[in-house]
Amino acid sequence: MLNVQKYEMRSDADRNAFGNAALSMCRAVKNMSGINSANYYWVNANQIGFIIDFETGAWGPGSANQDANVIKANFAVADLSTLVSNEFWMTARGGTDNYEISK
């Protein structure tokens, strides 16, 4: 599964601090079990997007996989920005499995 998040930097935030916070977030997430990759990208000069590739249950809603370093890093990003979007993408197989469970 993928988690795609986009954050917009606050007008009073430092761009270098914003980038460093995003890097720290990715490093912390990558240390969690069930995470395949965690990367950030500059969408434009004021926005950063994260793409986190994870195994089902390792990240996001319903996950029992909590990590203090990730939570700390997430708050550092949140102190400098506003969450614009947060989407969870699943494979066709994952979508079919969810649909079957719902019946």
Protein backbone atom coordinates (compact mmCIF):
# COMPACT_ATOMS: atom_id res chain seq x y z
CA MET A 1 0.00 0.00 0.00
CA LEU A 2 1.00 3.60 -0.43
CA ASN A 3 0.36 6.61 1.74
CA VAL A 4 0.66 9.86 -0.21
CA GLN A 5 0.72 13.00 1.91
CA LYS A 6 1.22 16.62 0.93
CA TYR A 7 2.22 19.41 3.32
CA GLU A 8 2.33 23.15 2.65
CA MET A 9 4.95 25.16 4.48
CA ARG A 10 3.64 27.91 6.76
CA SER A 11 4.56 31.44 5.67
CA ASP A 12 6.63 32.00 8.82
CA ALA A 13 8.55 28.71 8.53
CA ASP A 14 12.14 28.31 7.41
CA ARG A 15 12.45 26.35 4.15
CA ASN A 16 15.66 24.63 5.26
CA ALA A 17 14.05 23.56 8.55
CA PHE A 18 11.04 22.27 6.61
CA GLY A 19 13.24 20.14 4.36
CA ASN A 20 15.25 18.84 7.29
CA ALA A 21 12.05 17.94 9.18
CA ALA A 22 10.83 16.01 6.12
CA LEU A 23 14.15 14.16 5.89
CA SER A 24 13.98 13.27 9.60
CA MET A 25 10.42 12.02 9.13
CA CYS A 26 11.47 9.71 6.29
CA ARG A 27 14.45 8.38 8.23
CA ALA A 28 12.27 7.60 11.25
CA VAL A 29 9.56 5.91 9.15
CA LYS A 30 12.12 3.78 7.29
CA ASN A 31 13.21 2.27 10.63
CA MET A 32 9.75 0.84 11.29
CA SER A 33 8.95 -2.79 10.51
CA GLY A 34 6.67 -3.31 7.54
CA ILE A 35 7.82 -0.15 5.76
CA ASN A 36 9.22 -0.77 2.27
CA SER A 37 10.22 2.83 1.57
CA ALA A 38 9.58 6.38 2.74
CA ASN A 39 10.61 9.32 0.58
CA TYR A 40 9.76 12.99 0.31
CA TYR A 41 9.64 15.19 -2.75
CA TRP A 42 9.41 18.93 -3.26
CA VAL A 43 6.08 19.53 -5.02
CA ASN A 44 6.96 23.22 -5.39
CA ALA A 45 8.94 25.74 -3.35
CA ASN A 46 6.39 25.63 -0.53
CA GLN A 47 5.08 22.06 -0.56
CA ILE A 48 6.54 18.68 0.25
CA GLY A 49 4.95 15.36 -0.61
CA PHE A 50 5.66 12.08 1.18
CA ILE A 51 5.22 8.68 -0.41
CA ILE A 52 5.32 5.84 2.09
CA ASP A 53 5.19 2.27 0.76
CA PHE A 54 4.11 -0.16 3.47
CA GLU A 55 2.78 -3.61 4.13
CA THR A 56 -0.87 -3.85 5.18
CA GLY A 57 -1.26 -3.03 8.88
CA ALA A 58 2.21 -1.50 9.27
CA TRP A 59 1.14 2.14 8.81
CA GLY A 60 -1.92 4.32 8.96
CA PRO A 61 -5.41 3.77 10.35
CA GLY A 62 -5.74 0.58 12.33
CA SER A 63 -2.00 0.09 12.67
CA ALA A 64 -0.73 -1.14 16.01
CA ASN A 65 2.77 -0.25 14.82
CA GLN A 66 3.54 2.97 16.74
CA ASP A 67 7.00 4.51 17.03
CA ALA A 68 7.95 7.45 19.26
CA ASN A 69 10.57 8.73 16.80
CA VAL A 70 8.02 8.83 13.99
CA ILE A 71 5.49 10.65 16.15
CA LYS A 72 8.14 13.18 17.20
CA ALA A 73 9.20 13.70 13.56
CA ASN A 74 5.58 14.07 12.48
CA PHE A 75 5.03 16.83 15.04
CA ALA A 76 8.18 18.60 13.79
CA VAL A 77 6.75 18.60 10.25
CA ALA A 78 3.36 19.75 11.57
CA ASP A 79 4.96 22.65 13.46
CA LEU A 80 6.25 24.02 10.13
CA SER A 81 3.40 23.19 7.79
CA THR A 82 -0.23 22.35 7.18
CA LEU A 83 -1.43 18.98 5.91
CA VAL A 84 -3.00 19.52 2.49
CA SER A 85 -3.87 15.93 1.57
CA ASN A 86 -3.47 12.44 2.99
CA GLU A 87 -4.41 9.51 0.77
CA PHE A 88 -4.04 5.77 1.13
CA TRP A 89 -3.65 3.90 -2.14
CA MET A 90 -3.94 0.14 -2.38
CA THR A 91 -3.30 -2.36 -5.09
CA ALA A 92 -6.15 -3.87 -7.08
CA ARG A 93 -5.72 -7.02 -4.98
CA GLY A 94 -5.98 -5.04 -1.76
CA GLY A 95 -9.13 -3.30 -2.97
CA THR A 96 -10.68 -6.62 -3.94
CA ASP A 97 -9.79 -8.11 -0.55
CA ASN A 98 -11.41 -5.16 1.23
CA TYR A 99 -14.51 -5.49 -0.89
CA GLU A 100 -14.76 -9.22 -0.10
CA ILE A 101 -14.44 -8.52 3.63
CA SER A 102 -17.28 -6.00 3.41
CA LYS A 103 -19.81 -8.50 2.08
